[in-house]
PDB file of N, CA and C in Angstrom:
ATOM      1  N   MET A   1     -19.609  -2.598 121.748  1.00  0.00           N
ATOM      2  CA  MET A   1     -18.473  -2.645 120.860  1.00  0.00           C
ATOM      3  C   MET A   1     -18.256  -1.347 120.174  1.00  0.00           C
ATOM      4  N   ASP A   2     -17.066  -0.820 120.263  1.00  0.00           N
ATOM      5  CA  ASP A   2     -16.780   0.534 119.711  1.00  0.00           C
ATOM      6  C   ASP A   2     -15.854   0.402 118.505  1.00  0.00           C
ATOM      7  N   ASP A   3     -16.456   0.640 117.308  1.00  0.00           N
ATOM      8  CA  ASP A   3     -15.672   0.526 116.096  1.00  0.00           C
ATOM      9  C   ASP A   3     -15.297   1.890 115.495  1.00  0.00           C
ATOM     10  N   ALA A   4     -15.386   2.957 116.297  1.00  0.00           N
ATOM     11  CA  ALA A   4     -15.033   4.268 115.858  1.00  0.00           C
ATOM     12  C   ALA A   4     -13.534   4.322 115.579  1.00  0.00           C
ATOM     13  N   PRO A   5     -13.181   5.143 114.530  1.00  0.00           N
ATOM     14  CA  PRO A   5     -11.730   5.241 114.210  1.00  0.00           C
ATOM     15  C   PRO A   5     -11.038   5.972 115.360  1.00  0.00           C
ATOM     16  N   PRO A   6      -9.724   5.670 115.570  1.00  0.00           N
ATOM     17  CA  PRO A   6      -8.973   6.283 116.681  1.00  0.00           C
ATOM     18  C   PRO A   6      -8.908   7.812 116.459  1.00  0.00           C
ATOM     19  N   GLN A   7      -8.970   8.549 117.528  1.00  0.00           N
ATOM     20  CA  GLN A   7      -8.830   9.949 117.489  1.00  0.00           C
ATOM     21  C   GLN A   7      -7.314  10.286 117.304  1.00  0.00           C
ATOM     22  N   PRO A   8      -7.008  11.512 116.787  1.00  0.00           N
ATOM     23  CA  PRO A   8      -5.595  11.857 116.546  1.00  0.00           C
ATOM     24  C   PRO A   8      -4.694  11.626 117.817  1.00  0.00           C
ATOM     25  N   ALA A   9      -5.126  11.981 118.954  1.00  0.00           N
ATOM     26  CA  ALA A   9      -4.323  11.826 120.161  1.00  0.00           C
ATOM     27  C   ALA A   9      -4.055  10.341 120.401  1.00  0.00           C
ATOM     28  N   GLU A  10      -5.047   9.495 120.219  1.00  0.00           N
ATOM     29  CA  GLU A  10      -4.866   8.041 120.333  1.00  0.00           C
ATOM     30  C   GLU A  10      -3.880   7.481 119.357  1.00  0.00           C
ATOM     31  N   ALA A  11      -4.056   7.862 118.082  1.00  0.00           N
ATOM     32  CA  ALA A  11      -3.249   7.387 117.060  1.00  0.00           C
ATOM     33  C   ALA A  11      -1.774   7.820 117.264  1.00  0.00           C
ATOM     34  N   ALA A  12      -1.590   9.065 117.724  1.00  0.00           N
ATOM     35  CA  ALA A  12      -0.221   9.533 118.033  1.00  0.00           C
ATOM     36  C   ALA A  12       0.542   8.685 118.993  1.00  0.00           C
ATOM     37  N   ARG A  13      -0.175   8.183 119.977  1.00  0.00           N
ATOM     38  CA  ARG A  13       0.477   7.304 120.955  1.00  0.00           C
ATOM     39  C   ARG A  13       1.065   6.042 120.351  1.00  0.00           C
ATOM     40  N   ASP A  14       0.481   5.554 119.280  1.00  0.00           N
ATOM     41  CA  ASP A  14       0.878   4.347 118.662  1.00  0.00           C
ATOM     42  C   ASP A  14       1.811   4.581 117.475  1.00  0.00           C
ATOM     43  N   THR A  15       2.264   5.760 117.301  1.00  0.00           N
ATOM     44  CA  THR A  15       3.077   6.167 116.114  1.00  0.00           C
ATOM     45  C   THR A  15       4.513   6.473 116.554  1.00  0.00           C
ATOM     46  N   VAL A  16       5.438   6.222 115.704  1.00  0.00           N
ATOM     47  CA  VAL A  16       6.817   6.599 115.918  1.00  0.00           C
ATOM     48  C   VAL A  16       6.911   8.085 115.894  1.00  0.00           C
ATOM     49  N   ARG A  17       7.916   8.678 116.440  1.00  0.00           N
ATOM     50  CA  ARG A  17       8.118  10.103 116.474  1.00  0.00           C
ATOM     51  C   ARG A  17       8.813  10.577 115.208  1.00  0.00           C
ATOM     52  N   CYS A  18       8.464  11.812 114.837  1.00  0.00           N
ATOM     53  CA  CYS A  18       9.105  12.473 113.705  1.00  0.00           C
ATOM     54  C   CYS A  18      10.639  12.550 113.822  1.00  0.00           C
ATOM     55  N   SER A  19      11.043  12.801 115.016  1.00  0.00           N
ATOM     56  CA  SER A  19      12.439  13.016 115.267  1.00  0.00           C
ATOM     57  C   SER A  19      13.290  11.748 114.968  1.00  0.00           C
ATOM     58  N   ALA A  20      12.654  10.626 114.821  1.00  0.00           N
ATOM     59  CA  ALA A  20      13.353   9.366 114.426  1.00  0.00           C
ATOM     60  C   ALA A  20      13.323   9.098 112.957  1.00  0.00           C
ATOM     61  N   CYS A  21      12.746  10.007 112.148  1.00  0.00           N
ATOM     62  CA  CYS A  21      12.584   9.838 110.724  1.00  0.00           C
ATOM     63  C   CYS A  21      13.598  10.695 109.915  1.00  0.00           C
ATOM     64  N   VAL A  22      14.065  10.092 108.826  1.00  0.00           N
ATOM     65  CA  VAL A  22      15.080  10.771 107.990  1.00  0.00           C
ATOM     66  C   VAL A  22      14.439  12.009 107.339  1.00  0.00           C
ATOM     67  N   HIS A  23      13.183  12.125 107.203  1.00  0.00           N
ATOM     68  CA  HIS A  23      12.524  13.198 106.499  1.00  0.00           C
ATOM     69  C   HIS A  23      12.242  14.418 107.396  1.00  0.00           C
ATOM     70  N   TYR A  24      12.431  14.247 108.652  1.00  0.00           N
ATOM     71  CA  TYR A  24      12.159  15.315 109.611  1.00  0.00           C
ATOM     72  C   TYR A  24      13.263  16.326 109.679  1.00  0.00           C
ATOM     73  N   PHE A  25      12.938  17.588 109.771  1.00  0.00           N
ATOM     74  CA  PHE A  25      13.992  18.571 109.929  1.00  0.00           C
ATOM     75  C   PHE A  25      13.436  19.794 110.765  1.00  0.00           C
ATOM     76  N   ILE A  26      14.351  20.543 111.296  1.00  0.00           N
ATOM     77  CA  ILE A  26      14.044  21.769 112.043  1.00  0.00           C
ATOM     78  C   ILE A  26      14.197  22.891 111.065  1.00  0.00           C
ATOM     79  N   THR A  27      13.146  23.708 110.946  1.00  0.00           N
ATOM     80  CA  THR A  27      13.164  24.783 109.910  1.00  0.00           C
ATOM     81  C   THR A  27      13.845  26.074 110.363  1.00  0.00           C
ATOM     82  N   HIS A  28      13.948  26.299 111.638  1.00  0.00           N
ATOM     83  CA  HIS A  28      14.491  27.584 112.167  1.00  0.00           C
ATOM     84  C   HIS A  28      13.583  28.706 111.878  1.00  0.00           C
ATOM     85  N   ASP A  29      12.329  28.428 111.521  1.00  0.00           N
ATOM     86  CA  ASP A  29      11.280  29.458 111.272  1.00  0.00           C
ATOM     87  C   ASP A  29      10.494  29.455 112.616  1.00  0.00           C
ATOM     88  N   PRO A  30      10.451  30.545 113.327  1.00  0.00           N
ATOM     89  CA  PRO A  30       9.793  30.568 114.606  1.00  0.00           C
ATOM     90  C   PRO A  30       8.289  30.288 114.578  1.00  0.00           C
ATOM     91  N   VAL A  31       7.682  30.471 113.465  1.00  0.00           N
ATOM     92  CA  VAL A  31       6.187  30.238 113.328  1.00  0.00           C
ATOM     93  C   VAL A  31       5.949  28.773 113.012  1.00  0.00           C
ATOM     94  N   PHE A  32       6.799  28.239 112.134  1.00  0.00           N
ATOM     95  CA  PHE A  32       6.691  26.819 111.708  1.00  0.00           C
ATOM     96  C   PHE A  32       7.991  26.140 111.885  1.00  0.00           C
ATOM     97  N   PRO A  33       8.296  25.746 113.156  1.00  0.00           N
ATOM     98  CA  PRO A  33       9.657  25.197 113.440  1.00  0.00           C
ATOM     99  C   PRO A  33       9.949  23.784 113.030  1.00  0.00           C
ATOM    100  N   TYR A  34       8.912  22.992 112.714  1.00  0.00           N
ATOM    101  CA  TYR A  34       9.115  21.571 112.294  1.00  0.00           C
ATOM    102  C   TYR A  34       8.774  21.303 110.838  1.00  0.00           C
ATOM    103  N   GLY A  35       9.530  20.473 110.172  1.00  0.00           N
ATOM    104  CA  GLY A  35       9.230  20.227 108.754  1.00  0.00           C
ATOM    105  C   GLY A  35       9.329  18.695 108.381  1.00  0.00           C
ATOM    106  N   CYS A  36       8.742  18.355 107.277  1.00  0.00           N
ATOM    107  CA  CYS A  36       8.771  17.028 106.657  1.00  0.00           C
ATOM    108  C   CYS A  36       9.168  17.160 105.220  1.00  0.00           C
ATOM    109  N   ARG A  37      10.355  16.625 104.866  1.00  0.00           N
ATOM    110  CA  ARG A  37      10.788  16.739 103.483  1.00  0.00           C
ATOM    111  C   ARG A  37       9.972  15.814 102.585  1.00  0.00           C
ATOM    112  N   ALA A  38       9.557  14.645 103.045  1.00  0.00           N
ATOM    113  CA  ALA A  38       8.783  13.724 102.230  1.00  0.00           C
ATOM    114  C   ALA A  38       7.463  14.299 101.799  1.00  0.00           C
ATOM    115  N   LEU A  39       6.770  15.005 102.660  1.00  0.00           N
ATOM    116  CA  LEU A  39       5.500  15.598 102.369  1.00  0.00           C
ATOM    117  C   LEU A  39       5.587  17.120 102.017  1.00  0.00           C
ATOM    118  N   ASN A  40       6.764  17.637 102.064  1.00  0.00           N
ATOM    119  CA  ASN A  40       7.091  19.013 101.710  1.00  0.00           C
ATOM    120  C   ASN A  40       6.211  20.049 102.392  1.00  0.00           C
ATOM    121  N   PHE A  41       6.250  20.043 103.759  1.00  0.00           N
ATOM    122  CA  PHE A  41       5.523  21.052 104.459  1.00  0.00           C
ATOM    123  C   PHE A  41       6.215  21.312 105.803  1.00  0.00           C
ATOM    124  N   LYS A  42       5.864  22.490 106.342  1.00  0.00           N
ATOM    125  CA  LYS A  42       6.339  22.965 107.670  1.00  0.00           C
ATOM    126  C   LYS A  42       5.123  23.055 108.598  1.00  0.00           C
ATOM    127  N   SER A  43       5.343  22.916 109.855  1.00  0.00           N
ATOM    128  CA  SER A  43       4.190  22.940 110.823  1.00  0.00           C
ATOM    129  C   SER A  43       4.645  23.579 112.113  1.00  0.00           C
ATOM    130  N   TRP A  44       3.670  24.050 112.904  1.00  0.00           N
ATOM    131  CA  TRP A  44       3.988  24.583 114.185  1.00  0.00           C
ATOM    132  C   TRP A  44       4.007  23.429 115.240  1.00  0.00           C
ATOM    133  N   ARG A  45       3.684  22.299 114.839  1.00  0.00           N
ATOM    134  CA  ARG A  45       3.712  21.102 115.739  1.00  0.00           C
ATOM    135  C   ARG A  45       4.345  19.941 114.979  1.00  0.00           C
ATOM    136  N   GLN A  46       4.588  18.846 115.654  1.00  0.00           N
ATOM    137  CA  GLN A  46       5.205  17.654 114.988  1.00  0.00           C
ATOM    138  C   GLN A  46       4.394  17.314 113.783  1.00  0.00           C
ATOM    139  N   PRO A  47       5.058  17.166 112.612  1.00  0.00           N
ATOM    140  CA  PRO A  47       4.318  16.831 111.339  1.00  0.00           C
ATOM    141  C   PRO A  47       3.436  15.626 111.444  1.00  0.00           C
ATOM    142  N   MET A  48       3.837  14.615 112.225  1.00  0.00           N
ATOM    143  CA  MET A  48       3.000  13.391 112.320  1.00  0.00           C
ATOM    144  C   MET A  48       1.603  13.717 112.813  1.00  0.00           C
ATOM    145  N   LEU A  49       1.450  14.742 113.673  1.00  0.00           N
ATOM    146  CA  LEU A  49       0.163  15.130 114.172  1.00  0.00           C
ATOM    147  C   LEU A  49      -0.720  15.652 113.079  1.00  0.00           C
ATOM    148  N   ASP A  50      -0.169  16.473 112.145  1.00  0.00           N
ATOM    149  CA  ASP A  50      -0.890  16.956 111.050  1.00  0.00           C
ATOM    150  C   ASP A  50      -1.328  15.816 110.124  1.00  0.00           C
ATOM    151  N   VAL A  51      -0.432  14.903 109.900  1.00  0.00           N
ATOM    152  CA  VAL A  51      -0.748  13.729 109.015  1.00  0.00           C
ATOM    153  C   VAL A  51      -1.832  12.914 109.588  1.00  0.00           C
ATOM    154  N   ILE A  52      -1.782  12.607 110.868  1.00  0.00           N
ATOM    155  CA  ILE A  52      -2.856  11.861 111.520  1.00  0.00           C
ATOM    156  C   ILE A  52      -4.209  12.554 111.508  1.00  0.00           C
ATOM    157  N   GLU A  53      -4.115  13.890 111.756  1.00  0.00           N
ATOM    158  CA  GLU A  53      -5.331  14.663 111.766  1.00  0.00           C
ATOM    159  C   GLU A  53      -6.011  14.666 110.352  1.00  0.00           C
ATOM    160  N   ALA A  54      -5.190  14.811 109.303  1.00  0.00           N
ATOM    161  CA  ALA A  54      -5.683  14.873 107.953  1.00  0.00           C
ATOM    162  C   ALA A  54      -6.144  13.549 107.405  1.00  0.00           C
ATOM    163  N   SER A  55      -5.399  12.426 107.746  1.00  0.00           N
ATOM    164  CA  SER A  55      -5.703  11.190 107.127  1.00  0.00           C
ATOM    165  C   SER A  55      -6.338  10.144 108.075  1.00  0.00           C
ATOM    166  N   GLY A  56      -6.169  10.391 109.350  1.00  0.00           N
ATOM    167  CA  GLY A  56      -6.641   9.372 110.350  1.00  0.00           C
ATOM    168  C   GLY A  56      -5.681   8.195 110.473  1.00  0.00           C
ATOM    169  N   ARG A  57      -4.527   8.254 109.768  1.00  0.00           N
ATOM    170  CA  ARG A  57      -3.541   7.169 109.819  1.00  0.00           C
ATOM    171  C   ARG A  57      -2.178   7.689 110.114  1.00  0.00           C
ATOM    172  N   PRO A  58      -1.330   6.811 110.638  1.00  0.00           N
ATOM    173  CA  PRO A  58       0.092   7.230 110.882  1.00  0.00           C
ATOM    174  C   PRO A  58       0.741   7.493 109.510  1.00  0.00           C
ATOM    175  N   CYS A  59       1.806   8.237 109.524  1.00  0.00           N
ATOM    176  CA  CYS A  59       2.483   8.649 108.349  1.00  0.00           C
ATOM    177  C   CYS A  59       3.061   7.402 107.606  1.00  0.00           C
ATOM    178  N   LEU A  60       2.784   7.290 106.312  1.00  0.00           N
ATOM    179  CA  LEU A  60       3.239   6.182 105.522  1.00  0.00           C
ATOM    180  C   LEU A  60       4.637   6.437 104.952  1.00  0.00           C
ATOM    181  N   TYR A  61       5.129   7.653 105.108  1.00  0.00           N
ATOM    182  CA  TYR A  61       6.452   7.993 104.600  1.00  0.00           C
ATOM    183  C   TYR A  61       7.587   7.799 105.600  1.00  0.00           C
ATOM    184  N   PHE A  62       7.186   7.368 106.819  1.00  0.00           N
ATOM    185  CA  PHE A  62       8.217   7.238 107.894  1.00  0.00           C
ATOM    186  C   PHE A  62       9.350   6.273 107.489  1.00  0.00           C
ATOM    187  N   LEU A  63      10.577   6.772 107.598  1.00  0.00           N
ATOM    188  CA  LEU A  63      11.743   6.014 107.290  1.00  0.00           C
ATOM    189  C   LEU A  63      12.754   6.256 108.457  1.00  0.00           C
ATOM    190  N   PRO A  64      13.018   5.214 109.214  1.00  0.00           N
ATOM    191  CA  PRO A  64      13.876   5.453 110.390  1.00  0.00           C
ATOM    192  C   PRO A  64      15.284   5.875 110.052  1.00  0.00           C
ATOM    193  N   LYS A  65      15.832   6.782 110.861  1.00  0.00           N
ATOM    194  CA  LYS A  65      17.186   7.193 110.689  1.00  0.00           C
ATOM    195  C   LYS A  65      18.129   6.011 110.980  1.00  0.00           C
ATOM    196  N   ARG A  66      19.317   6.047 110.342  1.00  0.00           N
ATOM    197  CA  ARG A  66      20.270   4.994 110.595  1.00  0.00           C
ATOM    198  C   ARG A  66      20.840   5.204 111.981  1.00  0.00           C
ATOM    199  N   GLN A  67      21.057   4.116 112.667  1.00  0.00           N
ATOM    200  CA  GLN A  67      21.600   4.156 113.948  1.00  0.00           C
ATOM    201  C   GLN A  67      23.144   4.188 113.913  1.00  0.00           C
ATOM    202  N   GLY A  68      23.718   4.820 114.966  1.00  0.00           N
ATOM    203  CA  GLY A  68      25.212   4.945 115.009  1.00  0.00           C
ATOM    204  C   GLY A  68      25.724   6.061 114.179  1.00  0.00           C
ATOM    205  N   GLY A  69      26.934   5.903 113.727  1.00  0.00           N
ATOM    206  CA  GLY A  69      27.531   6.918 112.928  1.00  0.00           C
ATOM    207  C   GLY A  69      28.217   7.972 113.785  1.00  0.00           C
ATOM    208  N   GLY A  70      27.471   8.590 114.679  1.00  0.00           N
ATOM    209  CA  GLY A  70      28.039   9.582 115.566  1.00  0.00           C
ATOM    210  C   GLY A  70      28.573  10.787 114.831  1.00  0.00           C
ATOM    211  N   PRO A  71      29.162  11.735 115.523  1.00  0.00           N
ATOM    212  CA  PRO A  71      29.772  12.932 114.907  1.00  0.00           C
ATOM    213  C   PRO A  71      30.815  12.589 113.926  1.00  0.00           C
ATOM    214  N   GLY A  72      30.693  13.113 112.725  1.00  0.00           N
ATOM    215  CA  GLY A  72      31.737  12.851 111.738  1.00  0.00           C
ATOM    216  C   GLY A  72      31.782  11.392 111.186  1.00  0.00           C
ATOM    217  N   GLY A  73      30.814  10.563 111.588  1.00  0.00           N
ATOM    218  CA  GLY A  73      30.870   9.164 111.227  1.00  0.00           C
ATOM    219  C   GLY A  73      30.159   8.930 109.902  1.00  0.00           C
ATOM    220  N   GLY A  74      30.315   9.706 108.860  1.00  0.00           N
ATOM    221  CA  GLY A  74      29.649   9.534 107.590  1.00  0.00           C
ATOM    222  C   GLY A  74      29.561   8.133 107.037  1.00  0.00           C
ATOM    223  N   ALA A  75      29.185   7.998 105.830  1.00  0.00           N
ATOM    224  CA  ALA A  75      28.956   6.706 105.139  1.00  0.00           C
ATOM    225  C   ALA A  75      29.875   5.683 105.693  1.00  0.00           C
TER     226      ALA A  75
END
């Protein structure tokens, strides 16, 4: 019986992607191209990977983007 906590790569497979989260943004910084507004940081990789690596858990700030709307389809 293996009760070891999941490794970051394993946890990432079971986690939603940052690109589906309202807090995710592209920084346009070539060194740190991805960002998370909820946790206020930029990263060279998807922010969820840093969160999983630091906490061993999926991001608790994930909030899915609203579906639909399309171009110019505001509120």
